[in-house]
Amino acid sequence: MAWVRFPDGTRKKVERVEKADAQRDLDELTSLRALGTAPSAKNLRQATFDEIIDEWFAAGCPNVLPTKASRHARVKSPNTVANARQLLGTSVRPVIGKQWIDRTTTERLDPPQRSRGMRR
């Protein structure tokens, strides 16, 4: 494990299991530091659920990718898109819209199960 500090005050951590992988990543970071450039920020590479949903709507809500049999993606009807927009806007986006996709686990998405049959 090693930390590389950059001139702008940021620092990046290198932690790998294999020594060769760690040395390669450390060399890459030190060469970036020598050039005076900082590595890209993590937040710039990540996407939120809101961003992915917006991209899906912009693409016309396709439900499959083009295949060898059909070179066109199937696009949903306007009524289906309106339904999806309403349901996602009222149910999904308020709950998980701001979460980063690559930092979200299944446990964070599954609500706690209430026990059935027991009333308080």
N, C-alpha and C. Protein backbone atom coordinates (compact mmCIF):
# COMPACT_ATOMS: atom_id res chain seq x y z
N MET A 1 0.84 -1.16 0.00
CA MET A 1 0.00 0.00 0.00
C MET A 1 0.89 1.23 0.00
N ALA A 2 0.51 2.22 -0.81
CA ALA A 2 1.27 3.46 -0.86
C ALA A 2 0.33 4.60 -1.23
N TRP A 3 0.70 5.80 -0.80
CA TRP A 3 -0.04 7.01 -1.13
C TRP A 3 0.86 7.89 -1.99
N VAL A 4 0.27 8.53 -3.01
CA VAL A 4 1.00 9.48 -3.84
C VAL A 4 0.30 10.82 -3.70
N ARG A 5 1.05 11.82 -3.24
CA ARG A 5 0.49 13.16 -3.07
C ARG A 5 0.81 14.01 -4.30
N PHE A 6 -0.20 14.75 -4.79
CA PHE A 6 -0.05 15.58 -5.98
C PHE A 6 0.08 17.04 -5.58
N PRO A 7 0.62 17.88 -6.47
CA PRO A 7 0.84 19.29 -6.14
C PRO A 7 -0.41 20.05 -5.73
N ASP A 8 -1.58 19.63 -6.22
CA ASP A 8 -2.82 20.35 -5.86
C ASP A 8 -3.36 19.93 -4.49
N GLY A 9 -2.64 19.05 -3.80
CA GLY A 9 -3.04 18.63 -2.46
C GLY A 9 -3.80 17.32 -2.42
N THR A 10 -4.25 16.83 -3.55
CA THR A 10 -4.96 15.55 -3.56
C THR A 10 -3.96 14.42 -3.42
N ARG A 11 -4.46 13.28 -3.02
CA ARG A 11 -3.60 12.11 -2.93
C ARG A 11 -4.38 10.89 -3.39
N LYS A 12 -3.66 9.95 -3.94
CA LYS A 12 -4.25 8.71 -4.43
C LYS A 12 -3.57 7.54 -3.75
N LYS A 13 -4.38 6.54 -3.46
CA LYS A 13 -3.89 5.36 -2.76
C LYS A 13 -3.70 4.22 -3.76
N VAL A 14 -2.60 3.51 -3.63
CA VAL A 14 -2.33 2.31 -4.42
C VAL A 14 -2.29 1.15 -3.45
N GLU A 15 -3.22 0.23 -3.62
CA GLU A 15 -3.27 -0.95 -2.74
C GLU A 15 -3.65 -2.14 -3.60
N ARG A 16 -2.73 -3.04 -3.81
CA ARG A 16 -2.96 -4.20 -4.64
C ARG A 16 -2.46 -5.45 -3.93
N VAL A 17 -2.96 -6.59 -4.34
CA VAL A 17 -2.53 -7.86 -3.76
C VAL A 17 -1.18 -8.27 -4.33
N GLU A 18 -1.07 -8.18 -5.63
CA GLU A 18 0.18 -8.58 -6.30
C GLU A 18 1.16 -7.43 -6.34
N LYS A 19 2.41 -7.71 -6.03
CA LYS A 19 3.44 -6.67 -5.99
C LYS A 19 3.65 -6.03 -7.36
N ALA A 20 3.61 -6.82 -8.42
CA ALA A 20 3.83 -6.29 -9.77
C ALA A 20 2.72 -5.31 -10.15
N ASP A 21 1.47 -5.62 -9.80
CA ASP A 21 0.35 -4.72 -10.07
C ASP A 21 0.51 -3.42 -9.30
N ALA A 22 0.91 -3.53 -8.05
CA ALA A 22 1.09 -2.35 -7.22
C ALA A 22 2.20 -1.46 -7.77
N GLN A 23 3.29 -2.06 -8.18
CA GLN A 23 4.42 -1.29 -8.72
C GLN A 23 4.03 -0.61 -10.02
N ARG A 24 3.27 -1.29 -10.88
CA ARG A 24 2.84 -0.70 -12.14
C ARG A 24 1.95 0.53 -11.88
N ASP A 25 0.97 0.39 -10.98
CA ASP A 25 0.07 1.49 -10.68
C ASP A 25 0.80 2.63 -9.97
N LEU A 26 1.74 2.30 -9.11
CA LEU A 26 2.52 3.32 -8.42
C LEU A 26 3.39 4.10 -9.41
N ASP A 27 4.01 3.38 -10.34
CA ASP A 27 4.83 4.04 -11.37
C ASP A 27 3.98 4.97 -12.22
N GLU A 28 2.77 4.54 -12.54
CA GLU A 28 1.87 5.36 -13.35
C GLU A 28 1.51 6.66 -12.62
N LEU A 29 1.19 6.55 -11.33
CA LEU A 29 0.84 7.74 -10.56
C LEU A 29 2.04 8.68 -10.36
N THR A 30 3.22 8.12 -10.11
CA THR A 30 4.39 8.98 -9.93
C THR A 30 4.77 9.67 -11.24
N SER A 31 4.57 9.01 -12.37
CA SER A 31 4.84 9.68 -13.65
C SER A 31 3.84 10.81 -13.90
N LEU A 32 2.58 10.62 -13.51
CA LEU A 32 1.61 11.70 -13.62
C LEU A 32 2.00 12.88 -12.73
N ARG A 33 2.47 12.57 -11.53
CA ARG A 33 2.90 13.63 -10.61
C ARG A 33 4.11 14.37 -11.18
N ALA A 34 5.03 13.65 -11.80
CA ALA A 34 6.22 14.28 -12.37
C ALA A 34 5.84 15.20 -13.53
N LEU A 35 4.82 14.84 -14.27
CA LEU A 35 4.36 15.69 -15.37
C LEU A 35 3.55 16.88 -14.88
N GLY A 36 3.16 16.85 -13.63
CA GLY A 36 2.38 17.95 -13.08
C GLY A 36 0.89 17.84 -13.33
N THR A 37 0.44 16.68 -13.79
CA THR A 37 -0.99 16.48 -14.01
C THR A 37 -1.55 15.61 -12.91
N ALA A 38 -2.79 15.88 -12.57
CA ALA A 38 -3.45 15.10 -11.53
C ALA A 38 -4.29 14.01 -12.19
N PRO A 39 -4.46 12.88 -11.53
CA PRO A 39 -5.33 11.83 -12.08
C PRO A 39 -6.77 12.31 -12.09
N SER A 40 -7.58 11.70 -12.94
CA SER A 40 -8.97 12.11 -13.03
C SER A 40 -9.69 11.80 -11.73
N ALA A 41 -10.61 12.66 -11.38
CA ALA A 41 -11.37 12.49 -10.15
C ALA A 41 -12.36 11.35 -10.31
N LYS A 42 -12.64 10.64 -9.21
CA LYS A 42 -13.57 9.52 -9.27
C LYS A 42 -14.97 9.98 -9.65
N ASN A 43 -15.37 11.13 -9.13
CA ASN A 43 -16.74 11.59 -9.36
C ASN A 43 -17.01 11.85 -10.84
N LEU A 44 -15.98 12.13 -11.62
CA LEU A 44 -16.19 12.39 -13.03
C LEU A 44 -16.47 11.11 -13.80
N ARG A 45 -16.05 9.98 -13.28
CA ARG A 45 -16.23 8.73 -13.99
C ARG A 45 -17.51 8.00 -13.57
N GLN A 46 -18.11 8.41 -12.49
CA GLN A 46 -19.26 7.69 -11.98
C GLN A 46 -20.55 8.28 -12.51
N ALA A 47 -21.60 7.50 -12.48
CA ALA A 47 -22.92 7.95 -12.91
C ALA A 47 -23.92 7.63 -11.80
N THR A 48 -24.93 8.45 -11.72
CA THR A 48 -26.00 8.20 -10.76
C THR A 48 -27.14 7.50 -11.48
N PHE A 49 -28.07 6.95 -10.70
CA PHE A 49 -29.23 6.30 -11.30
C PHE A 49 -30.04 7.31 -12.10
N ASP A 50 -30.14 8.55 -11.63
CA ASP A 50 -30.87 9.59 -12.38
C ASP A 50 -30.27 9.80 -13.76
N GLU A 51 -28.94 9.85 -13.86
CA GLU A 51 -28.29 10.06 -15.15
C GLU A 51 -28.54 8.89 -16.11
N ILE A 52 -28.49 7.69 -15.59
CA ILE A 52 -28.73 6.51 -16.43
C ILE A 52 -30.18 6.47 -16.91
N ILE A 53 -31.11 6.80 -16.03
CA ILE A 53 -32.53 6.82 -16.42
C ILE A 53 -32.76 7.88 -17.49
N ASP A 54 -32.14 9.06 -17.33
CA ASP A 54 -32.28 10.12 -18.34
C ASP A 54 -31.74 9.68 -19.69
N GLU A 55 -30.59 9.00 -19.70
CA GLU A 55 -30.01 8.49 -20.95
C GLU A 55 -30.92 7.45 -21.60
N TRP A 56 -31.54 6.62 -20.78
CA TRP A 56 -32.44 5.60 -21.30
C TRP A 56 -33.66 6.25 -21.96
N PHE A 57 -34.21 7.28 -21.31
CA PHE A 57 -35.33 8.00 -21.91
C PHE A 57 -34.90 8.71 -23.20
N ALA A 58 -33.71 9.29 -23.22
CA ALA A 58 -33.21 9.98 -24.41
C ALA A 58 -33.04 9.01 -25.59
N ALA A 59 -32.73 7.76 -25.28
CA ALA A 59 -32.56 6.75 -26.33
C ALA A 59 -33.90 6.18 -26.80
N GLY A 60 -35.00 6.63 -26.21
CA GLY A 60 -36.31 6.12 -26.61
C GLY A 60 -36.73 4.88 -25.86
N CYS A 61 -36.11 4.60 -24.74
CA CYS A 61 -36.45 3.46 -23.89
C CYS A 61 -36.37 2.12 -24.64
N PRO A 62 -35.26 1.86 -25.32
CA PRO A 62 -35.17 0.58 -26.04
C PRO A 62 -35.14 -0.58 -25.06
N ASN A 63 -35.80 -1.68 -25.43
CA ASN A 63 -35.80 -2.83 -24.54
C ASN A 63 -34.82 -3.90 -24.97
N VAL A 64 -34.27 -3.82 -26.18
CA VAL A 64 -33.21 -4.74 -26.60
C VAL A 64 -32.24 -3.99 -27.52
N LEU A 65 -31.04 -4.50 -27.60
CA LEU A 65 -30.05 -3.94 -28.50
C LEU A 65 -30.22 -4.54 -29.89
N PRO A 66 -29.69 -3.89 -30.92
CA PRO A 66 -29.74 -4.48 -32.25
C PRO A 66 -29.05 -5.84 -32.26
N THR A 67 -29.58 -6.77 -33.05
CA THR A 67 -29.01 -8.11 -33.14
C THR A 67 -28.68 -8.42 -34.59
N LYS A 68 -28.20 -9.63 -34.84
CA LYS A 68 -27.93 -10.04 -36.22
C LYS A 68 -29.22 -10.13 -37.03
N ALA A 69 -30.30 -10.55 -36.39
CA ALA A 69 -31.58 -10.70 -37.09
C ALA A 69 -32.23 -9.34 -37.36
N SER A 70 -32.08 -8.41 -36.44
CA SER A 70 -32.68 -7.09 -36.60
C SER A 70 -31.63 -6.04 -36.26
N ARG A 71 -31.37 -5.15 -37.19
CA ARG A 71 -30.34 -4.15 -36.94
C ARG A 71 -30.88 -2.93 -36.20
N HIS A 72 -32.16 -2.95 -35.86
CA HIS A 72 -32.77 -1.83 -35.16
C HIS A 72 -33.17 -2.25 -33.75
N ALA A 73 -32.95 -1.36 -32.81
CA ALA A 73 -33.42 -1.60 -31.45
C ALA A 73 -34.92 -1.37 -31.42
N ARG A 74 -35.61 -2.14 -30.64
CA ARG A 74 -37.05 -1.97 -30.51
C ARG A 74 -37.33 -0.82 -29.56
N VAL A 75 -38.15 0.10 -29.99
CA VAL A 75 -38.47 1.27 -29.19
C VAL A 75 -39.89 1.12 -28.65
N LYS A 76 -40.10 1.55 -27.43
CA LYS A 76 -41.41 1.43 -26.79
C LYS A 76 -42.38 2.47 -27.33
N SER A 77 -43.66 2.20 -27.18
CA SER A 77 -44.70 3.13 -27.63
C SER A 77 -44.70 4.38 -26.74
N PRO A 78 -45.25 5.50 -27.22
CA PRO A 78 -45.30 6.72 -26.41
C PRO A 78 -46.05 6.54 -25.09
N ASN A 79 -47.12 5.72 -25.09
CA ASN A 79 -47.86 5.48 -23.85
C ASN A 79 -47.01 4.72 -22.83
N THR A 80 -46.24 3.76 -23.31
CA THR A 80 -45.37 2.99 -22.42
C THR A 80 -44.27 3.88 -21.85
N VAL A 81 -43.73 4.76 -22.68
CA VAL A 81 -42.69 5.69 -22.22
C VAL A 81 -43.26 6.63 -21.17
N ALA A 82 -44.47 7.13 -21.40
CA ALA A 82 -45.11 8.02 -20.42
C ALA A 82 -45.36 7.29 -19.10
N ASN A 83 -45.81 6.05 -19.20
CA ASN A 83 -46.02 5.23 -17.99
C ASN A 83 -44.72 5.03 -17.22
N ALA A 84 -43.66 4.67 -17.95
CA ALA A 84 -42.36 4.44 -17.31
C ALA A 84 -41.84 5.72 -16.68
N ARG A 85 -42.01 6.84 -17.37
CA ARG A 85 -41.55 8.12 -16.83
C ARG A 85 -42.27 8.46 -15.52
N GLN A 86 -43.57 8.20 -15.49
CA GLN A 86 -44.35 8.50 -14.29
C GLN A 86 -43.97 7.57 -13.15
N LEU A 87 -43.87 6.28 -13.43
CA LEU A 87 -43.54 5.31 -12.38
C LEU A 87 -42.12 5.51 -11.83
N LEU A 88 -41.16 5.71 -12.72
CA LEU A 88 -39.78 5.93 -12.28
C LEU A 88 -39.65 7.25 -11.53
N GLY A 89 -40.39 8.26 -11.98
CA GLY A 89 -40.32 9.57 -11.35
C GLY A 89 -40.91 9.61 -9.96
N THR A 90 -41.93 8.79 -9.70
CA THR A 90 -42.57 8.82 -8.39
C THR A 90 -42.07 7.74 -7.44
N SER A 91 -41.57 6.63 -7.98
CA SER A 91 -41.19 5.51 -7.11
C SER A 91 -39.68 5.30 -7.00
N VAL A 92 -38.97 5.35 -8.10
CA VAL A 92 -37.56 4.97 -8.10
C VAL A 92 -36.64 6.17 -7.84
N ARG A 93 -36.83 7.23 -8.60
CA ARG A 93 -35.93 8.38 -8.49
C ARG A 93 -35.86 9.00 -7.10
N PRO A 94 -36.98 9.18 -6.39
CA PRO A 94 -36.85 9.77 -5.05
C PRO A 94 -36.06 8.89 -4.08
N VAL A 95 -36.07 7.59 -4.30
CA VAL A 95 -35.42 6.67 -3.36
C VAL A 95 -33.95 6.46 -3.70
N ILE A 96 -33.63 6.18 -4.97
CA ILE A 96 -32.24 5.84 -5.32
C ILE A 96 -31.65 6.72 -6.41
N GLY A 97 -32.34 7.73 -6.85
CA GLY A 97 -31.87 8.54 -7.97
C GLY A 97 -30.52 9.18 -7.78
N LYS A 98 -30.20 9.64 -6.59
CA LYS A 98 -28.94 10.35 -6.35
C LYS A 98 -27.78 9.42 -6.02
N GLN A 99 -28.03 8.14 -5.87
CA GLN A 99 -26.97 7.19 -5.51
C GLN A 99 -26.09 6.90 -6.71
N TRP A 100 -24.78 6.74 -6.43
CA TRP A 100 -23.84 6.34 -7.47
C TRP A 100 -24.06 4.86 -7.80
N ILE A 101 -24.07 4.54 -9.06
CA ILE A 101 -24.33 3.16 -9.47
C ILE A 101 -23.23 2.22 -9.01
N ASP A 102 -21.98 2.62 -9.17
CA ASP A 102 -20.89 1.70 -8.83
C ASP A 102 -20.64 1.61 -7.33
N ARG A 103 -21.28 2.44 -6.52
CA ARG A 103 -21.12 2.36 -5.07
C ARG A 103 -22.35 1.78 -4.38
N THR A 104 -23.33 1.36 -5.14
CA THR A 104 -24.58 0.87 -4.58
C THR A 104 -24.58 -0.66 -4.57
N THR A 105 -24.90 -1.23 -3.43
CA THR A 105 -24.98 -2.68 -3.30
C THR A 105 -26.44 -3.11 -3.29
N THR A 106 -26.66 -4.38 -3.47
CA THR A 106 -28.01 -4.93 -3.44
C THR A 106 -28.67 -4.68 -2.10
N GLU A 107 -27.90 -4.77 -1.03
CA GLU A 107 -28.46 -4.55 0.30
C GLU A 107 -29.01 -3.13 0.46
N ARG A 108 -28.37 -2.16 -0.19
CA ARG A 108 -28.85 -0.79 -0.11
C ARG A 108 -30.14 -0.59 -0.90
N LEU A 109 -30.35 -1.41 -1.92
CA LEU A 109 -31.54 -1.27 -2.76
C LEU A 109 -32.74 -2.02 -2.22
N ASP A 110 -32.51 -3.14 -1.54
CA ASP A 110 -33.61 -3.93 -1.01
C ASP A 110 -34.13 -3.31 0.29
N PRO A 111 -35.41 -2.97 0.32
CA PRO A 111 -35.95 -2.43 1.58
C PRO A 111 -36.06 -3.56 2.60
N PRO A 112 -36.01 -3.23 3.89
CA PRO A 112 -36.17 -4.28 4.91
C PRO A 112 -37.54 -4.92 4.79
N GLN A 113 -37.59 -6.22 4.91
CA GLN A 113 -38.84 -6.95 4.78
C GLN A 113 -39.63 -6.88 6.08
N ARG A 114 -40.88 -6.55 5.97
CA ARG A 114 -41.75 -6.55 7.14
C ARG A 114 -42.26 -7.96 7.36
N SER A 115 -42.39 -8.32 8.60
CA SER A 115 -42.91 -9.66 8.87
C SER A 115 -44.42 -9.63 8.65
N ARG A 116 -44.89 -10.63 7.93
CA ARG A 116 -46.31 -10.71 7.60
C ARG A 116 -47.09 -11.37 8.73
N GLY A 117 -48.29 -10.93 8.90
CA GLY A 117 -49.15 -11.55 9.89
C GLY A 117 -49.05 -10.91 11.27
N MET A 118 -48.04 -10.15 11.51
CA MET A 118 -47.90 -9.51 12.82
C MET A 118 -48.28 -8.04 12.70
N ARG A 119 -49.24 -7.63 13.47
CA ARG A 119 -49.65 -6.24 13.46
C ARG A 119 -49.32 -5.61 14.80
N ARG A 120 -48.99 -4.39 14.75
CA ARG A 120 -48.69 -3.68 16.00
C ARG A 120 -49.74 -2.67 16.29
